[in-house]
């Protein structure tokens, strides 16, 4: 299987979290009774598997790579950093306090919610291309699809 970089894995999780409205923090908090922000390696892998593995199309290598990335020197995982980066994926926390901050927007359509959550990424791309073709034909023929009033 292909080897993905940490950034690619995190991007897939961010997009899936947004698209499917998954509150990823809830899965991790169940394992962290004292709310310390730290859980064991097994708990981290389990929370990742339960929360986002299917939607983000993650394999076990991806999960192991994330576990290594967030591991502390004592062997436990600092999940709070991971959750914060997922929850603030497409926004900047406390933006009202930083009015001059430059923001970047994701590609058009990247975060659009899917119509059917059972589609694979290839099928989603195919449907997207079909919709683009229809849109183009509607514009070319100047069809009015909405009533004026």
C-alpha atoms as a PDB file:
ATOM      1  CA  UNK A   1       0.000   0.000   0.000  1.00  0.00           C
ATOM      2  CA  UNK A   2       1.055   3.585  -0.570  1.00  0.00           C
ATOM      3  CA  UNK A   3       2.901   5.563   2.095  1.00  0.00           C
ATOM      4  CA  UNK A   4       1.264   8.876   2.924  1.00  0.00           C
ATOM      5  CA  UNK A   5       2.907  11.772   4.717  1.00  0.00           C
ATOM      6  CA  UNK A   6       1.614  12.977   8.074  1.00  0.00           C
ATOM      7  CA  UNK A   7       0.290  16.127   6.391  1.00  0.00           C
ATOM      8  CA  UNK A   8      -1.667  14.111   3.810  1.00  0.00           C
ATOM      9  CA  UNK A   9      -3.182  11.956   6.552  1.00  0.00           C
ATOM     10  CA  UNK A  10      -4.124  15.000   8.635  1.00  0.00           C
ATOM     11  CA  UNK A  11      -5.667  16.705   5.591  1.00  0.00           C
ATOM     12  CA  UNK A  12      -7.801  13.629   4.832  1.00  0.00           C
ATOM     13  CA  UNK A  13      -9.009  13.588   8.442  1.00  0.00           C
ATOM     14  CA  UNK A  14      -9.755  17.336   8.448  1.00  0.00           C
ATOM     15  CA  UNK A  15     -11.804  17.088   5.270  1.00  0.00           C
ATOM     16  CA  UNK A  16     -13.729  14.005   6.458  1.00  0.00           C
ATOM     17  CA  UNK A  17     -14.343  15.600   9.868  1.00  0.00           C
ATOM     18  CA  UNK A  18     -15.843  18.665   8.213  1.00  0.00           C
ATOM     19  CA  UNK A  19     -17.779  16.848   5.475  1.00  0.00           C
ATOM     20  CA  UNK A  20     -19.457  14.376   7.790  1.00  0.00           C
ATOM     21  CA  UNK A  21     -19.785  16.691  10.815  1.00  0.00           C
ATOM     22  CA  UNK A  22     -17.830  14.368  13.102  1.00  0.00           C
ATOM     23  CA  UNK A  23     -17.084  15.753  16.556  1.00  0.00           C
ATOM     24  CA  UNK A  24     -13.788  13.971  16.909  1.00  0.00           C
ATOM     25  CA  UNK A  25     -13.086  15.337  20.400  1.00  0.00           C
ATOM     26  CA  UNK A  26     -16.014  13.380  21.866  1.00  0.00           C
ATOM     27  CA  UNK A  27     -14.390  10.066  20.949  1.00  0.00           C
ATOM     28  CA  UNK A  28     -11.141  10.978  22.714  1.00  0.00           C
ATOM     29  CA  UNK A  29     -12.728  12.521  25.815  1.00  0.00           C
ATOM     30  CA  UNK A  30     -14.371   9.191  26.625  1.00  0.00           C
ATOM     31  CA  UNK A  31     -10.891   7.766  27.268  1.00  0.00           C
ATOM     32  CA  UNK A  32      -9.640  10.794  29.224  1.00  0.00           C
ATOM     33  CA  UNK A  33     -11.655  10.813  32.452  1.00  0.00           C
ATOM     34  CA  UNK A  34      -9.421  13.444  34.119  1.00  0.00           C
ATOM     35  CA  UNK A  35      -9.409  15.701  31.015  1.00  0.00           C
ATOM     36  CA  UNK A  36      -5.606  15.856  31.064  1.00  0.00           C
ATOM     37  CA  UNK A  37      -5.268  15.780  27.270  1.00  0.00           C
ATOM     38  CA  UNK A  38      -3.190  12.590  27.469  1.00  0.00           C
ATOM     39  CA  UNK A  39      -4.247   8.985  26.751  1.00  0.00           C
ATOM     40  CA  UNK A  40      -2.500   5.681  26.071  1.00  0.00           C
ATOM     41  CA  UNK A  41      -1.403   4.543  22.628  1.00  0.00           C
ATOM     42  CA  UNK A  42      -4.124   1.883  22.451  1.00  0.00           C
ATOM     43  CA  UNK A  43      -6.802   4.383  23.434  1.00  0.00           C
ATOM     44  CA  UNK A  44      -5.603   6.848  20.776  1.00  0.00           C
ATOM     45  CA  UNK A  45      -5.684   4.185  18.055  1.00  0.00           C
ATOM     46  CA  UNK A  46      -9.091   2.974  19.201  1.00  0.00           C
ATOM     47  CA  UNK A  47     -10.569   6.493  19.249  1.00  0.00           C
ATOM     48  CA  UNK A  48      -9.169   7.185  15.770  1.00  0.00           C
ATOM     49  CA  UNK A  49     -10.572   3.920  14.419  1.00  0.00           C
ATOM     50  CA  UNK A  50     -14.012   4.499  15.900  1.00  0.00           C
ATOM     51  CA  UNK A  51     -14.280   8.152  14.950  1.00  0.00           C
ATOM     52  CA  UNK A  52     -12.847   8.690  11.491  1.00  0.00           C
ATOM     53  CA  UNK A  53     -11.070   5.658  10.010  1.00  0.00           C
ATOM     54  CA  UNK A  54     -13.861   4.687   7.601  1.00  0.00           C
ATOM     55  CA  UNK A  55     -14.799   8.212   6.476  1.00  0.00           C
ATOM     56  CA  UNK A  56     -11.183   9.324   5.913  1.00  0.00           C
ATOM     57  CA  UNK A  57     -10.196   5.994   4.299  1.00  0.00           C
ATOM     58  CA  UNK A  58      -7.347   5.472   6.784  1.00  0.00           C
ATOM     59  CA  UNK A  59      -5.396   2.237   6.980  1.00  0.00           C
ATOM     60  CA  UNK A  60      -3.515   0.874   9.989  1.00  0.00           C
ATOM     61  CA  UNK A  61      -0.213   2.327   8.718  1.00  0.00           C
ATOM     62  CA  UNK A  62      -1.788   5.798   8.749  1.00  0.00           C
ATOM     63  CA  UNK A  63      -3.037   5.320  12.306  1.00  0.00           C
ATOM     64  CA  UNK A  64       0.376   4.028  13.456  1.00  0.00           C
ATOM     65  CA  UNK A  65       2.067   7.017  11.803  1.00  0.00           C
ATOM     66  CA  UNK A  66      -0.235   9.432  13.663  1.00  0.00           C
ATOM     67  CA  UNK A  67       0.408   7.581  16.910  1.00  0.00           C
ATOM     68  CA  UNK A  68       4.168   8.002  16.433  1.00  0.00           C
ATOM     69  CA  UNK A  69       3.745  11.670  15.540  1.00  0.00           C
ATOM     70  CA  UNK A  70       1.768  12.581  18.693  1.00  0.00           C
ATOM     71  CA  UNK A  71       3.650  10.276  21.100  1.00  0.00           C
ATOM     72  CA  UNK A  72       5.257  11.894  24.158  1.00  0.00           C
ATOM     73  CA  UNK A  73       8.612  10.786  25.601  1.00  0.00           C
ATOM     74  CA  UNK A  74       6.794   8.725  28.277  1.00  0.00           C
ATOM     75  CA  UNK A  75       5.007   6.686  25.565  1.00  0.00           C
ATOM     76  CA  UNK A  76       1.558   8.194  26.041  1.00  0.00           C
ATOM     77  CA  UNK A  77      -0.222  10.282  23.414  1.00  0.00           C
ATOM     78  CA  UNK A  78      -1.031  13.993  23.656  1.00  0.00           C
ATOM     79  CA  UNK A  79      -4.375  13.802  21.864  1.00  0.00           C
ATOM     80  CA  UNK A  80      -5.418  17.376  22.727  1.00  0.00           C
ATOM     81  CA  UNK A  81      -3.000  18.789  20.143  1.00  0.00           C
ATOM     82  CA  UNK A  82      -4.437  16.451  17.487  1.00  0.00           C
ATOM     83  CA  UNK A  83      -8.051  17.317  18.350  1.00  0.00           C
ATOM     84  CA  UNK A  84      -7.311  21.068  18.368  1.00  0.00           C
ATOM     85  CA  UNK A  85      -5.729  20.870  14.919  1.00  0.00           C
ATOM     86  CA  UNK A  86      -8.791  18.994  13.613  1.00  0.00           C
ATOM     87  CA  UNK A  87     -11.368  21.308  15.187  1.00  0.00           C
ATOM     88  CA  UNK A  88      -9.589  24.419  13.938  1.00  0.00           C
ATOM     89  CA  UNK A  89      -8.887  22.912  10.536  1.00  0.00           C
ATOM     90  CA  UNK A  90     -10.565  25.544   8.396  1.00  0.00           C
ATOM     91  CA  UNK A  91     -10.782  28.426  10.801  1.00  0.00           C
ATOM     92  CA  UNK A  92      -8.451  30.354  13.049  1.00  0.00           C
ATOM     93  CA  UNK A  93      -9.308  30.339  16.756  1.00  0.00           C
ATOM     94  CA  UNK A  94      -9.945  33.778  18.296  1.00  0.00           C
ATOM     95  CA  UNK A  95      -9.851  35.467  14.891  1.00  0.00           C
ATOM     96  CA  UNK A  96     -11.743  38.443  16.304  1.00  0.00           C
ATOM     97  CA  UNK A  97      -8.625  39.262  18.346  1.00  0.00           C
ATOM     98  CA  UNK A  98      -6.395  39.129  15.243  1.00  0.00           C
ATOM     99  CA  UNK A  99      -8.140  41.234  12.567  1.00  0.00           C
ATOM    100  CA  UNK A 100      -5.092  41.510  10.274  1.00  0.00           C
ATOM    101  CA  UNK A 101      -4.442  37.769  10.047  1.00  0.00           C
ATOM    102  CA  UNK A 102      -4.180  36.446   6.492  1.00  0.00           C
ATOM    103  CA  UNK A 103      -6.513  33.515   5.976  1.00  0.00           C
ATOM    104  CA  UNK A 104      -6.426  30.901   3.241  1.00  0.00           C
ATOM    105  CA  UNK A 105      -9.475  29.280   1.736  1.00  0.00           C
ATOM    106  CA  UNK A 106      -9.670  25.594   0.787  1.00  0.00           C
ATOM    107  CA  UNK A 107     -10.152  24.711  -2.895  1.00  0.00           C
ATOM    108  CA  UNK A 108     -13.675  25.238  -4.231  1.00  0.00           C
ATOM    109  CA  UNK A 109     -15.785  22.143  -3.645  1.00  0.00           C
ATOM    110  CA  UNK A 110     -13.250  20.463  -1.368  1.00  0.00           C
ATOM    111  CA  UNK A 111     -15.465  20.848   1.694  1.00  0.00           C
ATOM    112  CA  UNK A 112     -18.859  20.444   0.067  1.00  0.00           C
ATOM    113  CA  UNK A 113     -21.030  17.974   1.879  1.00  0.00           C
ATOM    114  CA  UNK A 114     -21.614  14.742  -0.054  1.00  0.00           C
ATOM    115  CA  UNK A 115     -25.119  13.766  -1.157  1.00  0.00           C
ATOM    116  CA  UNK A 116     -24.580  10.085  -0.445  1.00  0.00           C
ATOM    117  CA  UNK A 117     -22.026   9.103   2.186  1.00  0.00           C
ATOM    118  CA  UNK A 118     -21.595   5.644   0.655  1.00  0.00           C
ATOM    119  CA  UNK A 119     -19.633   6.929  -2.347  1.00  0.00           C
ATOM    120  CA  UNK A 120     -15.930   6.275  -2.706  1.00  0.00           C
ATOM    121  CA  UNK A 121     -13.655   9.232  -3.564  1.00  0.00           C
ATOM    122  CA  UNK A 122     -13.537   8.042  -7.203  1.00  0.00           C
ATOM    123  CA  UNK A 123     -17.326   7.921  -7.384  1.00  0.00           C
ATOM    124  CA  UNK A 124     -17.550  11.379  -5.782  1.00  0.00           C
ATOM    125  CA  UNK A 125     -15.157  12.720  -8.436  1.00  0.00           C
ATOM    126  CA  UNK A 126     -17.245  11.118 -11.190  1.00  0.00           C
ATOM    127  CA  UNK A 127     -20.472  12.658  -9.855  1.00  0.00           C
ATOM    128  CA  UNK A 128     -18.712  16.006  -9.507  1.00  0.00           C
ATOM    129  CA  UNK A 129     -17.604  15.892 -13.152  1.00  0.00           C
ATOM    130  CA  UNK A 130     -21.154  15.064 -14.269  1.00  0.00           C
ATOM    131  CA  UNK A 131     -22.552  17.993 -12.272  1.00  0.00           C
ATOM    132  CA  UNK A 132     -19.906  20.306 -13.746  1.00  0.00           C
ATOM    133  CA  UNK A 133     -20.928  19.200 -17.258  1.00  0.00           C
ATOM    134  CA  UNK A 134     -24.599  19.883 -16.512  1.00  0.00           C
ATOM    135  CA  UNK A 135     -23.733  23.298 -15.051  1.00  0.00           C
ATOM    136  CA  UNK A 136     -21.713  24.183 -18.135  1.00  0.00           C
ATOM    137  CA  UNK A 137     -24.573  23.174 -20.486  1.00  0.00           C
ATOM    138  CA  UNK A 138     -27.105  25.182 -18.464  1.00  0.00           C
ATOM    139  CA  UNK A 139     -24.893  28.276 -18.686  1.00  0.00           C
ATOM    140  CA  UNK A 140     -24.220  27.780 -22.428  1.00  0.00           C
ATOM    141  CA  UNK A 141     -27.904  27.434 -23.269  1.00  0.00           C
ATOM    142  CA  UNK A 142     -28.859  30.207 -20.814  1.00  0.00           C
ATOM    143  CA  UNK A 143     -31.536  28.081 -19.225  1.00  0.00           C
ATOM    144  CA  UNK A 144     -33.488  29.669 -16.381  1.00  0.00           C
ATOM    145  CA  UNK A 145     -33.895  26.996 -13.734  1.00  0.00           C
ATOM    146  CA  UNK A 146     -35.323  29.237 -11.015  1.00  0.00           C
ATOM    147  CA  UNK A 147     -38.461  31.315 -11.298  1.00  0.00           C
ATOM    148  CA  UNK A 148     -38.014  35.083 -11.205  1.00  0.00           C
ATOM    149  CA  UNK A 149     -40.540  35.552  -8.387  1.00  0.00           C
END
